[in-house]
Amino acid sequence: MPFYTFRCEQCDETFEVRASIKEKEAGLTPECPQCQGKKTRQLISAGLVIRGGDGASLALPTCGPNAGPGCCR
């Protein structure tokens, strides 16, 4: 099941929610775990994580000179 990152518009808390694609397509609107606010919005992540042979995470840069064209605005 994928993770989705959300931000609360009331307290600015950023949090992750694990939900099925079916739940997401049905209109996932999680409550903020910090203030229980209902005005949350999903953040879009362009990051990519690759697992090395030893299982360690290798996070690739999402912005900067080595990230490729069009990544930064």
N, C-alpha and C. Protein backbone atom coordinates (compact mmCIF):
# COMPACT_ATOMS: atom_id res chain seq x y z
N MET A 1 0.83 -1.16 0.00
CA MET A 1 0.00 0.00 0.00
C MET A 1 0.89 1.24 0.00
N PRO A 2 0.58 2.21 -0.83
CA PRO A 2 1.41 3.42 -0.90
C PRO A 2 1.15 4.38 0.26
N PHE A 3 2.12 5.25 0.49
CA PHE A 3 2.01 6.32 1.46
C PHE A 3 1.73 7.61 0.72
N TYR A 4 0.91 8.47 1.30
CA TYR A 4 0.60 9.78 0.74
C TYR A 4 0.94 10.82 1.80
N THR A 5 1.57 11.92 1.38
CA THR A 5 1.97 12.98 2.29
C THR A 5 0.94 14.10 2.23
N PHE A 6 0.49 14.54 3.40
CA PHE A 6 -0.50 15.59 3.51
C PHE A 6 0.02 16.71 4.41
N ARG A 7 -0.55 17.91 4.25
CA ARG A 7 -0.25 19.04 5.12
C ARG A 7 -1.57 19.62 5.61
N CYS A 8 -1.61 19.93 6.89
CA CYS A 8 -2.80 20.54 7.50
C CYS A 8 -2.76 22.03 7.22
N GLU A 9 -3.86 22.57 6.73
CA GLU A 9 -3.93 24.01 6.44
C GLU A 9 -4.20 24.83 7.69
N GLN A 10 -4.54 24.18 8.81
CA GLN A 10 -4.79 24.91 10.05
C GLN A 10 -3.53 25.08 10.89
N CYS A 11 -2.75 24.00 11.07
CA CYS A 11 -1.56 24.08 11.93
C CYS A 11 -0.25 23.87 11.18
N ASP A 12 -0.31 23.61 9.88
CA ASP A 12 0.87 23.44 9.02
C ASP A 12 1.64 22.15 9.29
N GLU A 13 1.03 21.20 9.99
CA GLU A 13 1.65 19.90 10.27
C GLU A 13 1.72 19.09 8.96
N THR A 14 2.85 18.43 8.73
CA THR A 14 3.01 17.53 7.59
C THR A 14 2.99 16.10 8.13
N PHE A 15 2.22 15.22 7.49
CA PHE A 15 2.10 13.85 7.97
C PHE A 15 1.84 12.91 6.80
N GLU A 16 2.09 11.62 7.02
CA GLU A 16 1.89 10.61 5.99
C GLU A 16 0.69 9.73 6.35
N VAL A 17 0.02 9.28 5.29
CA VAL A 17 -1.12 8.38 5.44
C VAL A 17 -0.89 7.20 4.52
N ARG A 18 -1.06 6.00 5.04
CA ARG A 18 -0.95 4.80 4.23
C ARG A 18 -2.37 4.39 3.84
N ALA A 19 -2.61 4.32 2.54
CA ALA A 19 -3.96 4.00 2.05
C ALA A 19 -3.86 3.28 0.72
N SER A 20 -4.86 2.50 0.41
CA SER A 20 -4.89 1.80 -0.88
C SER A 20 -5.21 2.80 -1.99
N ILE A 21 -4.89 2.43 -3.19
CA ILE A 21 -5.21 3.28 -4.34
C ILE A 21 -6.72 3.46 -4.45
N LYS A 22 -7.46 2.41 -4.11
CA LYS A 22 -8.93 2.49 -4.14
C LYS A 22 -9.43 3.55 -3.15
N GLU A 23 -8.86 3.58 -1.94
CA GLU A 23 -9.23 4.59 -0.95
C GLU A 23 -8.89 5.99 -1.46
N LYS A 24 -7.71 6.12 -2.08
CA LYS A 24 -7.27 7.41 -2.60
C LYS A 24 -8.21 7.89 -3.70
N GLU A 25 -8.58 7.02 -4.61
CA GLU A 25 -9.47 7.38 -5.70
C GLU A 25 -10.87 7.74 -5.20
N ALA A 26 -11.26 7.21 -4.04
CA ALA A 26 -12.58 7.49 -3.47
C ALA A 26 -12.62 8.85 -2.78
N GLY A 27 -11.47 9.55 -2.72
CA GLY A 27 -11.45 10.88 -2.12
C GLY A 27 -10.91 10.89 -0.71
N LEU A 28 -9.71 10.41 -0.53
CA LEU A 28 -9.07 10.34 0.78
C LEU A 28 -8.91 11.75 1.36
N THR A 29 -9.51 12.00 2.52
CA THR A 29 -9.38 13.29 3.21
C THR A 29 -9.08 13.02 4.69
N PRO A 30 -7.81 12.79 5.02
CA PRO A 30 -7.46 12.44 6.39
C PRO A 30 -7.55 13.62 7.34
N GLU A 31 -7.72 13.29 8.61
CA GLU A 31 -7.74 14.29 9.67
C GLU A 31 -6.30 14.49 10.15
N CYS A 32 -5.95 15.72 10.50
CA CYS A 32 -4.61 16.02 11.00
C CYS A 32 -4.39 15.34 12.35
N PRO A 33 -3.29 14.60 12.51
CA PRO A 33 -3.02 13.94 13.79
C PRO A 33 -2.61 14.93 14.89
N GLN A 34 -2.18 16.13 14.52
CA GLN A 34 -1.73 17.12 15.49
C GLN A 34 -2.90 17.90 16.10
N CYS A 35 -3.76 18.48 15.23
CA CYS A 35 -4.84 19.34 15.72
C CYS A 35 -6.24 18.81 15.39
N GLN A 36 -6.32 17.65 14.75
CA GLN A 36 -7.57 17.03 14.31
C GLN A 36 -8.32 17.89 13.30
N GLY A 37 -7.59 18.79 12.63
CA GLY A 37 -8.19 19.62 11.58
C GLY A 37 -8.61 18.78 10.39
N LYS A 38 -9.63 19.22 9.72
CA LYS A 38 -10.15 18.48 8.57
C LYS A 38 -9.77 19.12 7.23
N LYS A 39 -9.10 20.29 7.28
CA LYS A 39 -8.66 20.95 6.06
C LYS A 39 -7.22 20.54 5.76
N THR A 40 -7.07 19.43 5.08
CA THR A 40 -5.74 18.93 4.71
C THR A 40 -5.66 18.83 3.20
N ARG A 41 -4.44 18.92 2.68
CA ARG A 41 -4.25 18.75 1.25
C ARG A 41 -3.02 17.89 1.00
N GLN A 42 -3.08 17.15 -0.08
CA GLN A 42 -1.99 16.25 -0.41
C GLN A 42 -0.83 17.02 -1.00
N LEU A 43 0.38 16.67 -0.58
CA LEU A 43 1.60 17.22 -1.16
C LEU A 43 2.09 16.24 -2.22
N ILE A 44 2.59 16.75 -3.29
CA ILE A 44 3.11 15.92 -4.36
C ILE A 44 4.62 15.79 -4.18
N SER A 45 5.10 14.58 -4.13
CA SER A 45 6.52 14.31 -3.96
C SER A 45 7.10 13.81 -5.27
N ALA A 46 8.20 14.40 -5.66
CA ALA A 46 8.87 13.97 -6.88
C ALA A 46 10.08 13.10 -6.56
N GLY A 47 10.27 12.77 -5.31
CA GLY A 47 11.43 11.99 -4.90
C GLY A 47 11.34 10.54 -5.35
N LEU A 48 12.48 9.91 -5.45
CA LEU A 48 12.57 8.51 -5.83
C LEU A 48 13.56 7.85 -4.90
N VAL A 49 13.20 6.72 -4.35
CA VAL A 49 14.10 6.00 -3.45
C VAL A 49 14.42 4.65 -4.08
N ILE A 50 15.71 4.36 -4.16
CA ILE A 50 16.18 3.10 -4.73
C ILE A 50 16.88 2.34 -3.62
N ARG A 51 16.60 1.07 -3.52
CA ARG A 51 17.24 0.23 -2.50
C ARG A 51 18.52 -0.36 -3.08
N GLY A 52 19.60 -0.25 -2.34
CA GLY A 52 20.85 -0.84 -2.75
C GLY A 52 20.84 -2.34 -2.49
N GLY A 53 21.88 -3.02 -2.90
CA GLY A 53 21.98 -4.46 -2.72
C GLY A 53 21.94 -4.89 -1.27
N ASP A 54 22.39 -4.02 -0.37
CA ASP A 54 22.37 -4.35 1.06
C ASP A 54 21.08 -3.91 1.74
N GLY A 55 20.10 -3.40 0.97
CA GLY A 55 18.82 -2.97 1.51
C GLY A 55 18.79 -1.53 1.98
N ALA A 56 19.94 -0.85 1.91
CA ALA A 56 19.98 0.55 2.34
C ALA A 56 19.31 1.44 1.30
N SER A 57 18.66 2.49 1.77
CA SER A 57 18.00 3.43 0.87
C SER A 57 19.02 4.37 0.27
N LEU A 58 18.90 4.62 -0.99
CA LEU A 58 19.73 5.59 -1.70
C LEU A 58 18.78 6.64 -2.27
N ALA A 59 18.61 7.75 -1.59
CA ALA A 59 17.69 8.80 -2.05
C ALA A 59 18.37 9.59 -3.17
N LEU A 60 17.70 9.71 -4.29
CA LEU A 60 18.22 10.49 -5.40
C LEU A 60 17.83 11.95 -5.22
N PRO A 61 18.67 12.89 -5.68
CA PRO A 61 18.32 14.30 -5.54
C PRO A 61 17.06 14.63 -6.34
N THR A 62 16.19 15.43 -5.75
CA THR A 62 14.97 15.82 -6.44
C THR A 62 15.11 17.19 -7.07
N CYS A 63 16.19 17.89 -6.76
CA CYS A 63 16.41 19.21 -7.34
C CYS A 63 17.90 19.53 -7.24
N GLY A 64 18.40 20.31 -8.17
CA GLY A 64 19.80 20.68 -8.13
C GLY A 64 20.48 20.35 -9.44
N PRO A 65 21.77 20.58 -9.52
CA PRO A 65 22.49 20.44 -10.79
C PRO A 65 22.53 19.01 -11.33
N ASN A 66 22.42 18.01 -10.46
CA ASN A 66 22.48 16.62 -10.92
C ASN A 66 21.11 15.97 -11.08
N ALA A 67 20.05 16.72 -10.88
CA ALA A 67 18.69 16.15 -10.90
C ALA A 67 18.08 16.13 -12.30
N GLY A 68 18.67 16.79 -13.25
CA GLY A 68 18.13 16.78 -14.59
C GLY A 68 17.37 18.06 -14.92
N PRO A 69 17.01 18.20 -16.18
CA PRO A 69 16.35 19.44 -16.62
C PRO A 69 14.91 19.52 -16.12
N GLY A 70 14.49 20.74 -15.84
CA GLY A 70 13.09 21.00 -15.50
C GLY A 70 12.69 20.65 -14.09
N CYS A 71 13.65 20.36 -13.20
CA CYS A 71 13.25 19.95 -11.86
C CYS A 71 13.00 21.16 -10.95
N CYS A 72 13.66 22.25 -11.20
CA CYS A 72 13.52 23.43 -10.35
C CYS A 72 12.86 24.56 -11.12
N ARG A 73 12.10 25.35 -10.41
CA ARG A 73 11.46 26.49 -11.08
C ARG A 73 11.92 27.76 -10.45
